[in-house]
């Protein structure tokens, strides 16, 4: 008895074998945008504190310490919420891409892992920077700028 030719099995394990565009964008946002948010937050904090220190010495019509502190708090809150949203999106995209990846050496899977890991690390860094800027009285930071 001879059997007929066998049909090849489909390579895809599920209904979709490649990540969606939204998943790829979320992974890249986690990889690139969250570190940029941290960097911009740090630059804003240093700029505001140094300007407030210089203007406090010159006694000019600059924002007061209280105004500067409120600007830092509001900017910190906004930056943290955006970074946290991107981190959750990158983590969700990574889990979905791992589920649909064909192999462990898939490039999409690696980029998604890098995006999720980077966004988590820089969100923690952002939280630490926020704690330093909001917990330390800004007047004490002027010693570094004198």
N, C-alpha and C. Protein backbone atom coordinates (compact mmCIF):
# COMPACT_ATOMS: atom_id res chain seq x y z
N UNK A 1 0.80 -1.17 0.00
CA UNK A 1 0.00 0.00 0.00
C UNK A 1 0.84 1.24 0.00
N UNK A 2 0.50 2.05 -0.87
CA UNK A 2 1.19 3.34 -0.92
C UNK A 2 0.23 4.43 -0.49
N UNK A 3 0.76 5.35 0.18
CA UNK A 3 -0.08 6.47 0.61
C UNK A 3 0.14 7.64 -0.33
N UNK A 4 -0.85 8.50 -0.40
CA UNK A 4 -0.77 9.66 -1.26
C UNK A 4 0.16 10.71 -0.69
N UNK A 5 0.47 11.70 -1.48
CA UNK A 5 1.38 12.74 -1.01
C UNK A 5 0.73 13.51 0.15
N UNK A 6 1.55 13.77 1.13
CA UNK A 6 1.04 14.49 2.30
C UNK A 6 1.10 16.00 2.04
N UNK A 7 0.12 16.68 2.57
CA UNK A 7 0.10 18.14 2.39
C UNK A 7 0.94 18.78 3.49
N UNK A 8 1.67 19.81 3.16
CA UNK A 8 2.50 20.47 4.18
C UNK A 8 1.63 21.19 5.21
N UNK A 9 2.08 21.17 6.44
CA UNK A 9 1.37 21.85 7.52
C UNK A 9 1.68 23.35 7.46
N UNK A 10 0.72 24.20 7.82
CA UNK A 10 1.00 25.63 7.83
C UNK A 10 2.02 25.98 8.91
N UNK A 11 2.85 26.97 8.61
CA UNK A 11 3.93 27.36 9.52
C UNK A 11 3.42 28.19 10.69
N UNK A 12 2.37 28.92 10.50
CA UNK A 12 1.87 29.80 11.56
C UNK A 12 1.22 28.97 12.65
N UNK A 13 1.44 29.37 13.90
CA UNK A 13 0.86 28.64 15.01
C UNK A 13 -0.49 29.20 15.43
N UNK A 14 -0.81 30.37 15.00
CA UNK A 14 -2.07 31.01 15.37
C UNK A 14 -2.63 31.75 14.18
N UNK A 15 -3.66 32.54 14.43
CA UNK A 15 -4.26 33.28 13.35
C UNK A 15 -3.35 34.36 12.78
N UNK A 16 -2.39 34.82 13.55
CA UNK A 16 -1.49 35.88 13.10
C UNK A 16 -0.06 35.49 13.45
N UNK A 17 0.85 35.57 12.49
CA UNK A 17 2.22 35.15 12.74
C UNK A 17 3.19 36.31 12.87
N UNK A 18 2.74 37.53 12.61
CA UNK A 18 3.61 38.71 12.78
C UNK A 18 2.93 39.71 13.70
N UNK A 19 3.73 40.51 14.40
CA UNK A 19 3.12 41.50 15.30
C UNK A 19 2.39 42.59 14.51
N UNK A 20 1.41 43.16 15.15
CA UNK A 20 0.68 44.24 14.51
C UNK A 20 1.53 45.50 14.52
N UNK A 21 1.11 46.45 13.74
CA UNK A 21 1.83 47.72 13.68
C UNK A 21 1.80 48.43 15.04
N UNK A 22 0.66 48.38 15.72
CA UNK A 22 0.54 49.01 17.04
C UNK A 22 1.49 48.37 18.04
N UNK A 23 1.66 47.06 17.97
CA UNK A 23 2.58 46.38 18.88
C UNK A 23 4.03 46.78 18.60
N UNK A 24 4.38 46.88 17.34
CA UNK A 24 5.74 47.30 17.00
C UNK A 24 5.98 48.74 17.43
N UNK A 25 4.99 49.62 17.24
CA UNK A 25 5.13 51.02 17.65
C UNK A 25 5.27 51.12 19.16
N UNK A 26 4.49 50.35 19.91
CA UNK A 26 4.58 50.37 21.38
C UNK A 26 5.96 49.93 21.84
N UNK A 27 6.51 48.92 21.20
CA UNK A 27 7.85 48.45 21.57
C UNK A 27 8.90 49.53 21.31
N UNK A 28 8.82 50.19 20.16
CA UNK A 28 9.78 51.25 19.84
C UNK A 28 9.59 52.48 20.70
N UNK A 29 8.35 52.79 21.07
CA UNK A 29 8.12 53.92 21.99
C UNK A 29 8.75 53.63 23.34
N UNK A 30 8.60 52.41 23.81
CA UNK A 30 9.23 52.03 25.07
C UNK A 30 10.74 52.10 25.00
N UNK A 31 11.29 51.78 23.86
CA UNK A 31 12.74 51.78 23.70
C UNK A 31 13.31 53.19 23.56
N UNK A 32 12.60 54.08 22.90
CA UNK A 32 13.15 55.40 22.58
C UNK A 32 12.52 56.56 23.35
N UNK A 33 11.23 56.56 23.54
CA UNK A 33 10.54 57.74 24.07
C UNK A 33 10.67 57.84 25.58
N UNK A 34 10.60 56.75 26.30
CA UNK A 34 10.69 56.83 27.76
C UNK A 34 12.07 57.35 28.20
N UNK A 35 13.19 56.90 27.62
CA UNK A 35 14.47 57.54 27.98
C UNK A 35 14.51 59.02 27.61
N UNK A 36 13.86 59.38 26.51
CA UNK A 36 13.80 60.80 26.12
C UNK A 36 12.97 61.60 27.12
N UNK A 37 11.89 61.04 27.62
CA UNK A 37 11.08 61.72 28.64
C UNK A 37 11.91 61.93 29.89
N UNK A 38 12.66 60.92 30.30
CA UNK A 38 13.51 61.06 31.49
C UNK A 38 14.55 62.15 31.28
N UNK A 39 15.17 62.16 30.11
CA UNK A 39 16.20 63.16 29.82
C UNK A 39 15.61 64.57 29.81
N UNK A 40 14.45 64.76 29.19
CA UNK A 40 13.81 66.07 29.16
C UNK A 40 13.37 66.51 30.56
N UNK A 41 12.88 65.57 31.36
CA UNK A 41 12.50 65.90 32.73
C UNK A 41 13.71 66.35 33.53
N UNK A 42 14.80 65.65 33.37
CA UNK A 42 16.03 66.01 34.07
C UNK A 42 16.53 67.38 33.63
N UNK A 43 16.50 67.64 32.33
CA UNK A 43 16.94 68.94 31.82
C UNK A 43 16.03 70.06 32.32
N UNK A 44 14.73 69.82 32.34
CA UNK A 44 13.80 70.83 32.84
C UNK A 44 14.04 71.11 34.31
N UNK A 45 14.24 70.08 35.10
CA UNK A 45 14.50 70.26 36.53
C UNK A 45 15.77 71.05 36.78
N UNK A 46 16.84 70.71 36.09
CA UNK A 46 18.10 71.42 36.27
C UNK A 46 17.97 72.87 35.82
N UNK A 47 17.30 73.09 34.70
CA UNK A 47 17.12 74.45 34.20
C UNK A 47 16.30 75.30 35.16
N UNK A 48 15.18 74.76 35.63
CA UNK A 48 14.34 75.53 36.55
C UNK A 48 15.04 75.82 37.87
N UNK A 49 15.74 74.83 38.42
CA UNK A 49 16.42 75.04 39.69
C UNK A 49 17.57 76.03 39.52
N UNK A 50 18.34 75.89 38.46
CA UNK A 50 19.46 76.83 38.27
C UNK A 50 18.96 78.24 38.02
N UNK A 51 17.87 78.39 37.28
CA UNK A 51 17.31 79.72 37.04
C UNK A 51 16.75 80.32 38.32
N UNK A 52 16.06 79.49 39.11
CA UNK A 52 15.52 79.99 40.37
C UNK A 52 16.64 80.38 41.32
N UNK A 53 17.74 79.63 41.32
CA UNK A 53 18.87 79.98 42.18
C UNK A 53 19.53 81.28 41.73
N UNK A 54 19.72 81.44 40.43
CA UNK A 54 20.34 82.66 39.92
C UNK A 54 19.43 83.86 40.15
N UNK A 55 18.13 83.70 39.96
CA UNK A 55 17.21 84.82 40.15
C UNK A 55 17.01 85.14 41.62
N UNK A 56 17.16 84.16 42.49
CA UNK A 56 17.05 84.44 43.92
C UNK A 56 18.22 85.28 44.40
N UNK A 57 19.39 85.05 43.79
CA UNK A 57 20.57 85.84 44.14
C UNK A 57 20.42 87.26 43.59
N UNK A 58 19.92 87.40 42.35
CA UNK A 58 19.80 88.70 41.70
C UNK A 58 18.56 89.46 42.16
N UNK A 59 17.63 88.79 42.83
CA UNK A 59 16.39 89.42 43.31
C UNK A 59 15.58 90.04 42.16
N UNK A 60 15.49 89.35 41.06
CA UNK A 60 14.74 89.86 39.91
C UNK A 60 13.29 89.37 39.98
N UNK A 61 12.51 89.74 38.98
CA UNK A 61 11.09 89.37 38.92
C UNK A 61 10.92 88.00 38.27
N UNK A 62 11.53 87.02 38.84
CA UNK A 62 11.44 85.65 38.32
C UNK A 62 10.40 84.89 39.13
N UNK A 63 10.03 83.71 38.69
CA UNK A 63 9.11 82.90 39.49
C UNK A 63 9.69 82.65 40.88
N UNK A 64 8.82 82.63 41.85
CA UNK A 64 9.26 82.37 43.22
C UNK A 64 9.60 80.90 43.39
N UNK A 65 10.14 80.58 44.57
CA UNK A 65 10.46 79.18 44.85
C UNK A 65 9.20 78.33 44.81
N UNK A 66 8.12 78.86 45.33
CA UNK A 66 6.86 78.11 45.33
C UNK A 66 6.37 77.88 43.90
N UNK A 67 6.46 78.91 43.04
CA UNK A 67 6.06 78.74 41.64
C UNK A 67 6.94 77.70 40.94
N UNK A 68 8.23 77.78 41.19
CA UNK A 68 9.15 76.82 40.57
C UNK A 68 8.85 75.40 41.05
N UNK A 69 8.55 75.28 42.33
CA UNK A 69 8.24 73.95 42.86
C UNK A 69 6.96 73.40 42.25
N UNK A 70 5.95 74.23 42.05
CA UNK A 70 4.71 73.76 41.43
C UNK A 70 4.92 73.39 39.97
N UNK A 71 5.75 74.14 39.26
CA UNK A 71 6.06 73.79 37.86
C UNK A 71 6.74 72.43 37.80
N UNK A 72 7.70 72.22 38.70
CA UNK A 72 8.41 70.94 38.74
C UNK A 72 7.45 69.80 39.07
N UNK A 73 6.55 70.01 40.02
CA UNK A 73 5.61 68.96 40.42
C UNK A 73 4.67 68.62 39.27
N UNK A 74 4.12 69.63 38.61
CA UNK A 74 3.19 69.37 37.51
C UNK A 74 3.88 68.73 36.31
N UNK A 75 5.09 69.20 35.99
CA UNK A 75 5.84 68.59 34.89
C UNK A 75 6.22 67.14 35.24
N UNK A 76 6.54 66.90 36.50
CA UNK A 76 6.89 65.55 36.93
C UNK A 76 5.70 64.62 36.85
N UNK A 77 4.55 65.11 37.28
CA UNK A 77 3.34 64.29 37.21
C UNK A 77 3.00 63.93 35.76
N UNK A 78 3.05 64.92 34.88
CA UNK A 78 2.77 64.66 33.46
C UNK A 78 3.76 63.69 32.84
N UNK A 79 5.05 63.89 33.11
CA UNK A 79 6.08 63.01 32.56
C UNK A 79 5.92 61.58 33.08
N UNK A 80 5.61 61.45 34.36
CA UNK A 80 5.46 60.11 34.94
C UNK A 80 4.25 59.39 34.37
N UNK A 81 3.15 60.09 34.21
CA UNK A 81 1.95 59.44 33.66
C UNK A 81 2.16 59.00 32.22
N UNK A 82 2.81 59.83 31.41
CA UNK A 82 3.09 59.45 30.01
C UNK A 82 4.05 58.26 29.97
N UNK A 83 5.11 58.31 30.77
CA UNK A 83 6.08 57.21 30.80
C UNK A 83 5.43 55.92 31.28
N UNK A 84 4.56 56.02 32.27
CA UNK A 84 3.88 54.83 32.79
C UNK A 84 2.93 54.23 31.74
N UNK A 85 2.23 55.07 31.00
CA UNK A 85 1.34 54.57 29.95
C UNK A 85 2.13 53.88 28.85
N UNK A 86 3.25 54.46 28.45
CA UNK A 86 4.08 53.83 27.42
C UNK A 86 4.68 52.53 27.94
N UNK A 87 5.05 52.49 29.21
CA UNK A 87 5.61 51.27 29.80
C UNK A 87 4.59 50.15 29.80
N UNK A 88 3.36 50.45 30.17
CA UNK A 88 2.32 49.42 30.14
C UNK A 88 2.05 48.95 28.70
N UNK A 89 2.03 49.88 27.76
CA UNK A 89 1.81 49.50 26.36
C UNK A 89 2.97 48.64 25.83
N UNK A 90 4.19 49.00 26.17
CA UNK A 90 5.35 48.22 25.72
C UNK A 90 5.36 46.84 26.37
N UNK A 91 4.99 46.76 27.63
CA UNK A 91 4.93 45.45 28.29
C UNK A 91 3.85 44.56 27.70
N UNK A 92 2.70 45.15 27.42
CA UNK A 92 1.62 44.38 26.80
C UNK A 92 2.02 43.92 25.39
N UNK A 93 2.66 44.80 24.64
CA UNK A 93 3.12 44.43 23.29
C UNK A 93 4.15 43.32 23.36
N UNK A 94 5.04 43.38 24.33
CA UNK A 94 6.04 42.33 24.48
C UNK A 94 5.39 40.98 24.76
N UNK A 95 4.42 40.95 25.67
CA UNK A 95 3.73 39.69 25.97
C UNK A 95 3.01 39.13 24.74
N UNK A 96 2.37 40.00 23.96
CA UNK A 96 1.66 39.54 22.77
C UNK A 96 2.65 39.06 21.70
N UNK A 97 3.75 39.77 21.54
CA UNK A 97 4.73 39.38 20.52
C UNK A 97 5.40 38.06 20.90
N UNK A 98 5.69 37.85 22.17
CA UNK A 98 6.27 36.57 22.61
C UNK A 98 5.31 35.43 22.30
N UNK A 99 4.02 35.69 22.48
CA UNK A 99 3.01 34.66 22.23
C UNK A 99 2.96 34.26 20.75
N UNK A 100 3.13 35.22 19.86
CA UNK A 100 2.99 34.91 18.43
C UNK A 100 4.32 34.68 17.73
N UNK A 101 5.45 34.89 18.43
CA UNK A 101 6.76 34.73 17.78
C UNK A 101 6.98 33.27 17.38
N UNK A 102 7.58 33.09 16.22
CA UNK A 102 7.83 31.75 15.71
C UNK A 102 9.02 31.08 16.37
N UNK A 103 10.01 31.88 16.78
CA UNK A 103 11.20 31.29 17.39
C UNK A 103 11.72 32.23 18.47
N UNK A 104 12.67 31.72 19.22
CA UNK A 104 13.27 32.53 20.29
C UNK A 104 14.20 33.59 19.71
N UNK A 105 14.63 33.43 18.49
CA UNK A 105 15.56 34.37 17.88
C UNK A 105 14.85 35.36 16.95
N UNK A 106 13.59 35.56 17.16
CA UNK A 106 12.81 36.48 16.34
C UNK A 106 13.20 37.92 16.66
N UNK A 107 13.44 38.73 15.64
CA UNK A 107 13.86 40.12 15.84
C UNK A 107 12.77 40.95 16.51
N UNK A 108 11.52 40.74 16.16
CA UNK A 108 10.43 41.49 16.78
C UNK A 108 10.36 41.20 18.28
N UNK A 109 10.58 39.94 18.61
CA UNK A 109 10.56 39.55 20.03
C UNK A 109 11.68 40.25 20.79
N UNK A 110 12.86 40.34 20.21
CA UNK A 110 13.99 40.99 20.86
C UNK A 110 13.75 42.49 21.04
N UNK A 111 13.25 43.15 20.01
CA UNK A 111 12.96 44.59 20.10
C UNK A 111 11.88 44.84 21.15
N UNK A 112 10.88 44.00 21.19
CA UNK A 112 9.80 44.15 22.17
C UNK A 112 10.34 43.97 23.59
N UNK A 113 11.23 42.99 23.79
CA UNK A 113 11.83 42.80 25.11
C UNK A 113 12.68 44.01 25.50
N UNK A 114 13.48 44.51 24.55
CA UNK A 114 14.30 45.70 24.82
C UNK A 114 13.42 46.91 25.15
N UNK A 115 12.33 47.08 24.42
CA UNK A 115 11.43 48.21 24.68
C UNK A 115 10.78 48.12 26.04
N UNK A 116 10.33 46.94 26.41
CA UNK A 116 9.69 46.77 27.72
C UNK A 116 10.70 46.96 28.85
N UNK A 117 11.87 46.38 28.71
CA UNK A 117 12.89 46.49 29.76
C UNK A 117 13.40 47.93 29.90
N UNK A 118 13.67 48.57 28.79
CA UNK A 118 14.15 49.95 28.83
C UNK A 118 13.11 50.88 29.43
N UNK A 119 11.87 50.71 29.04
CA UNK A 119 10.83 51.60 29.57
C UNK A 119 10.64 51.41 31.07
N UNK A 120 10.73 50.17 31.55
CA UNK A 120 10.61 49.94 33.00
C UNK A 120 11.79 50.58 33.73
N UNK A 121 12.99 50.39 33.22
CA UNK A 121 14.18 50.93 33.88
C UNK A 121 14.14 52.46 33.94
N UNK A 122 13.79 53.09 32.82
CA UNK A 122 13.78 54.55 32.80
C UNK A 122 12.57 55.13 33.53
N UNK A 123 11.49 54.38 33.66
CA UNK A 123 10.37 54.84 34.48
C UNK A 123 10.77 54.84 35.95
N UNK A 124 11.51 53.83 36.38
CA UNK A 124 12.04 53.83 37.74
C UNK A 124 13.03 54.98 37.94
N UNK A 125 13.87 55.23 36.94
CA UNK A 125 14.79 56.37 37.02
C UNK A 125 14.05 57.70 37.10
N UNK A 126 12.98 57.81 36.35
CA UNK A 126 12.16 59.01 36.39
C UNK A 126 11.52 59.17 37.77
N UNK A 127 11.03 58.09 38.34
CA UNK A 127 10.43 58.16 39.68
C UNK A 127 11.48 58.59 40.70
N UNK A 128 12.70 58.10 40.58
CA UNK A 128 13.76 58.51 41.49
C UNK A 128 14.07 59.99 41.32
N UNK A 129 14.17 60.46 40.09
CA UNK A 129 14.44 61.89 39.84
C UNK A 129 13.32 62.76 40.40
N UNK A 130 12.09 62.31 40.25
CA UNK A 130 10.96 63.06 40.79
C UNK A 130 11.04 63.13 42.31
N UNK A 131 11.38 62.02 42.93
CA UNK A 131 11.51 62.02 44.40
C UNK A 131 12.58 62.98 44.86
N UNK A 132 13.70 63.03 44.16
CA UNK A 132 14.77 63.95 44.54
C UNK A 132 14.32 65.40 44.36
N UNK A 133 13.67 65.71 43.25
CA UNK A 133 13.27 67.09 42.99
C UNK A 133 12.13 67.55 43.88
N UNK A 134 11.27 66.65 44.30
CA UNK A 134 10.13 67.08 45.11
C UNK A 134 10.39 66.92 46.61
N UNK A 135 11.24 66.00 47.01
CA UNK A 135 11.48 65.79 48.44
C UNK A 135 12.53 66.74 49.00
N UNK A 136 13.54 67.07 48.22
CA UNK A 136 14.59 67.96 48.68
C UNK A 136 14.11 69.40 48.52
N UNK A 137 14.24 70.20 49.55
CA UNK A 137 13.88 71.62 49.38
C UNK A 137 14.77 72.26 48.31
N UNK A 138 14.15 72.95 47.36
CA UNK A 138 14.89 73.49 46.23
C UNK A 138 15.96 74.50 46.64
N UNK A 139 15.76 75.19 47.78
CA UNK A 139 16.74 76.16 48.22
C UNK A 139 18.07 75.50 48.50
N UNK A 140 18.04 74.25 48.99
CA UNK A 140 19.29 73.54 49.29
C UNK A 140 20.05 73.15 48.02
N UNK A 141 19.35 73.02 46.92
CA UNK A 141 20.01 72.67 45.67
C UNK A 141 20.82 73.83 45.10
N UNK A 142 20.58 75.04 45.59
CA UNK A 142 21.30 76.22 45.07
C UNK A 142 22.78 76.18 45.43
N UNK A 143 23.15 75.44 46.43
CA UNK A 143 24.57 75.35 46.82
C UNK A 143 25.38 74.82 45.65
N UNK A 144 24.83 73.91 44.88
CA UNK A 144 25.55 73.35 43.74
C UNK A 144 25.72 74.36 42.61
N UNK A 145 24.87 75.37 42.52
CA UNK A 145 24.93 76.33 41.43
C UNK A 145 25.67 77.61 41.80
N UNK A 146 26.14 77.73 43.04
CA UNK A 146 26.85 78.95 43.46
C UNK A 146 28.32 78.85 43.18
